[in-house]
Amino acid sequence: KGGKLIGVAVGDHPLGPFVDQGVLAEDAIDAHLFRDDDGALYLYYVNLRGGFAIVVQPMADPLTKKGQPTVLIRPTEEWEKHGHVTEGPWMLKHNGKYYLMYSGSGADGPHYAIGYATARSPMGPFEKYPGNPIAKQGNGVFGPGHHCVVEGPDGKLWMIYHQKNTEKVDWDRFLAMDPIW
């Protein structure tokens, strides 16, 4: 089809084999499926046609869309404007508040960074944190971004992300992790 697609495949084992079940979004990247405490599912992704807008699609189940997608965030802040990009959405619910974490600017440059917005609902509206970005270039760190959050064995939260080796605009990246609080 030429465009970027988000699809879903199903298998009986984590190592496969997997069977393609179809396309969930066209001209889209960076899917993240979030299950809320009540079991409701939401697919967060980037709509490329919408100018790197982060959207949410309610899901009836992991294979079936429910209703229409809603635009949540667009690149409007200065730190997001190196390439006019918001991408890599990751939903985190903590103490009843929804944190839509995301990356801004181009992933191949040193200005790539991580920020977040909060809401009382997984569907928004989301308000961007005024102290964004929370992870950015500085002190030998270049272009940290596109992360996920996991809970460690001690119950503490960790952010796993990639960063660049230098200030050059390229794809020379490595994985890193830091505690979040």
Protein backbone atom coordinates (compact mmCIF):
# COMPACT_ATOMS: atom_id res chain seq x y z
CA LYS A 1 0.00 0.00 0.00
CA GLY A 2 2.99 2.33 0.30
CA GLY A 3 2.01 3.95 3.63
CA LYS A 4 2.90 2.89 7.14
CA LEU A 5 0.35 0.58 8.74
CA ILE A 6 -0.47 -0.55 12.25
CA GLY A 7 -1.75 -4.10 12.21
CA VAL A 8 -2.37 -6.92 14.60
CA ALA A 9 -1.35 -10.57 14.45
CA VAL A 10 -2.36 -13.43 16.73
CA GLY A 11 -0.44 -16.51 17.85
CA ASP A 12 -0.79 -19.29 20.39
CA HIS A 13 2.73 -18.72 21.75
CA PRO A 14 4.82 -15.57 22.38
CA LEU A 15 7.36 -16.79 19.81
CA GLY A 16 4.69 -17.44 17.15
CA PRO A 17 3.85 -18.36 14.59
CA PHE A 18 1.55 -15.36 14.16
CA VAL A 19 -1.36 -14.90 11.76
CA ASP A 20 -2.15 -11.44 10.39
CA GLN A 21 -5.58 -10.24 11.53
CA GLY A 22 -5.67 -7.01 9.53
CA VAL A 23 -4.96 -3.30 9.69
CA LEU A 24 -6.00 -1.10 12.61
CA ALA A 25 -4.66 2.22 11.30
CA GLU A 26 -3.18 3.50 8.03
CA ASP A 27 -0.48 6.16 7.70
CA ALA A 28 0.30 5.56 11.36
CA ILE A 29 3.22 4.53 13.60
CA ASP A 30 4.08 3.80 17.24
CA ALA A 31 1.10 1.80 18.51
CA HIS A 32 0.62 1.27 22.26
CA LEU A 33 -2.36 -0.75 23.55
CA PHE A 34 -3.38 0.30 27.07
CA ARG A 35 -5.76 -1.65 29.33
CA ASP A 36 -7.41 0.46 32.02
CA ASP A 37 -8.30 -0.82 35.50
CA ASP A 38 -11.88 -1.50 34.34
CA GLY A 39 -10.63 -3.68 31.45
CA ALA A 40 -11.36 -1.09 28.75
CA LEU A 41 -8.79 -1.04 25.92
CA TYR A 42 -7.35 2.00 24.16
CA LEU A 43 -4.94 2.06 21.23
CA TYR A 44 -2.64 5.11 21.24
CA TYR A 45 -0.70 5.85 18.07
CA VAL A 46 0.64 8.59 15.81
CA ASN A 47 -1.43 9.69 12.83
CA LEU A 48 1.07 10.75 10.18
CA ARG A 49 -1.67 12.21 7.99
CA GLY A 50 -2.60 14.45 10.92
CA GLY A 51 0.88 15.98 11.11
CA PHE A 52 2.35 13.64 13.74
CA ALA A 53 -0.74 13.94 15.95
CA ILE A 54 -1.10 11.45 18.80
CA VAL A 55 -4.55 9.87 18.76
CA VAL A 56 -6.49 7.36 20.83
CA GLN A 57 -8.77 4.68 19.39
CA PRO A 58 -11.11 2.93 21.84
CA MET A 59 -11.06 -0.83 21.26
CA ALA A 60 -13.76 -3.46 21.86
CA ASP A 61 -10.94 -6.03 22.03
CA PRO A 62 -7.35 -6.11 20.72
CA LEU A 63 -8.64 -6.80 17.19
CA THR A 64 -11.74 -4.59 16.96
CA LYS A 65 -12.03 -0.80 16.92
CA LYS A 66 -14.89 0.78 18.86
CA GLY A 67 -16.04 4.23 17.73
CA GLN A 68 -13.81 6.86 16.18
CA PRO A 69 -10.25 7.92 17.03
CA THR A 70 -9.71 11.20 18.91
CA VAL A 71 -6.72 13.54 18.45
CA LEU A 72 -5.04 14.14 21.82
CA ILE A 73 -1.76 15.96 21.18
CA ARG A 74 -0.11 17.83 18.31
CA PRO A 75 3.43 19.29 18.14
CA THR A 76 2.84 22.82 19.48
CA GLU A 77 5.57 23.38 22.08
CA GLU A 78 9.01 24.72 21.18
CA TRP A 79 10.80 21.49 22.24
CA GLU A 80 8.56 19.47 19.87
CA LYS A 81 9.24 21.65 16.83
CA HIS A 82 12.60 20.27 15.63
CA GLY A 83 10.79 18.41 12.85
CA HIS A 84 7.27 19.20 14.18
CA VAL A 85 6.92 15.76 15.72
CA THR A 86 5.04 14.21 18.63
CA GLU A 87 5.37 10.42 18.65
CA GLY A 88 6.04 7.32 20.72
CA PRO A 89 2.95 7.56 22.95
CA TRP A 90 2.94 5.58 26.19
CA MET A 91 -0.02 5.65 28.59
CA LEU A 92 0.66 5.32 32.31
CA LYS A 93 -2.03 5.45 34.99
CA HIS A 94 -0.72 6.36 38.42
CA ASN A 95 -2.77 7.24 41.53
CA GLY A 96 -5.90 7.67 39.40
CA LYS A 97 -4.30 10.13 36.95
CA TYR A 98 -3.56 9.36 33.29
CA TYR A 99 -0.09 10.29 32.05
CA LEU A 100 0.23 10.35 28.26
CA MET A 101 3.99 10.24 27.85
CA TYR A 102 5.47 10.92 24.42
CA SER A 103 8.53 12.07 22.50
CA GLY A 104 8.98 15.30 20.58
CA SER A 105 11.25 16.44 17.73
CA GLY A 106 12.98 14.11 15.26
CA ALA A 107 14.19 10.76 16.60
CA ASP A 108 17.47 11.04 14.65
CA GLY A 109 18.56 14.32 16.26
CA PRO A 110 20.00 15.46 19.59
CA HIS A 111 16.87 17.52 20.41
CA TYR A 112 14.64 14.44 20.63
CA ALA A 113 13.14 14.43 24.14
CA ILE A 114 10.40 13.01 26.37
CA GLY A 115 7.47 14.85 27.89
CA TYR A 116 4.02 14.11 29.20
CA ALA A 117 0.48 15.41 29.48
CA THR A 118 -2.13 14.52 32.10
CA ALA A 119 -5.89 13.95 32.16
CA ARG A 120 -8.63 12.48 34.30
CA SER A 121 -9.72 10.15 31.48
CA PRO A 122 -7.79 7.97 29.00
CA MET A 123 -9.66 9.88 26.26
CA GLY A 124 -8.51 13.30 27.50
CA PRO A 125 -8.52 16.19 27.28
CA PHE A 126 -4.80 16.19 28.09
CA GLU A 127 -2.84 19.12 29.43
CA LYS A 128 0.86 19.21 28.64
CA TYR A 129 3.18 19.48 31.64
CA PRO A 130 4.69 23.00 31.67
CA GLY A 131 8.10 21.59 32.75
CA ASN A 132 8.43 19.47 29.58
CA PRO A 133 10.62 17.91 28.42
CA ILE A 134 11.41 15.69 31.41
CA ALA A 135 14.27 13.89 29.61
CA LYS A 136 16.36 15.93 27.16
CA GLN A 137 19.79 16.70 25.76
CA GLY A 138 22.44 17.71 28.31
CA ASN A 139 25.41 16.45 30.36
CA GLY A 140 26.51 14.02 27.62
CA VAL A 141 22.97 12.82 26.85
CA PHE A 142 21.74 13.30 23.28
CA GLY A 143 18.22 12.72 22.00
CA PRO A 144 16.61 10.57 24.70
CA GLY A 145 13.21 9.33 23.57
CA HIS A 146 10.61 6.78 22.51
CA HIS A 147 10.28 5.02 25.81
CA CYS A 148 8.15 2.66 27.81
CA VAL A 149 7.61 2.40 31.56
CA VAL A 150 7.93 -0.85 33.50
CA GLU A 151 7.56 -1.74 37.15
CA GLY A 152 10.66 -3.24 38.73
CA PRO A 153 10.69 -6.14 41.23
CA ASP A 154 10.71 -3.58 44.06
CA GLY A 155 7.55 -1.87 42.74
CA LYS A 156 9.41 1.23 41.53
CA LEU A 157 8.83 2.57 38.01
CA TRP A 158 11.58 2.60 35.39
CA MET A 159 11.67 4.37 32.04
CA ILE A 160 13.40 2.43 29.26
CA TYR A 161 14.30 4.54 26.23
CA HIS A 162 16.86 5.06 23.53
CA GLN A 163 19.36 7.86 23.20
CA LYS A 164 21.96 8.87 20.69
CA ASN A 165 25.72 8.40 20.98
CA THR A 166 26.52 11.91 19.65
CA GLU A 167 24.99 15.23 18.61
CA LYS A 168 25.06 14.14 14.94
CA VAL A 169 21.81 13.71 13.05
CA ASP A 170 21.87 9.94 12.47
CA TRP A 171 20.46 6.69 13.83
CA ASP A 172 23.40 5.70 16.07
CA ARG A 173 21.39 4.92 19.23
CA PHE A 174 21.50 2.70 22.30
CA LEU A 175 19.12 1.67 25.10
CA ALA A 176 19.10 3.32 28.50
CA MET A 177 16.96 3.22 31.63
CA ASP A 178 16.29 5.51 34.55
CA PRO A 179 13.99 5.47 37.57
CA ILE A 180 10.98 7.80 37.41
CA TRP A 181 9.12 9.37 40.27
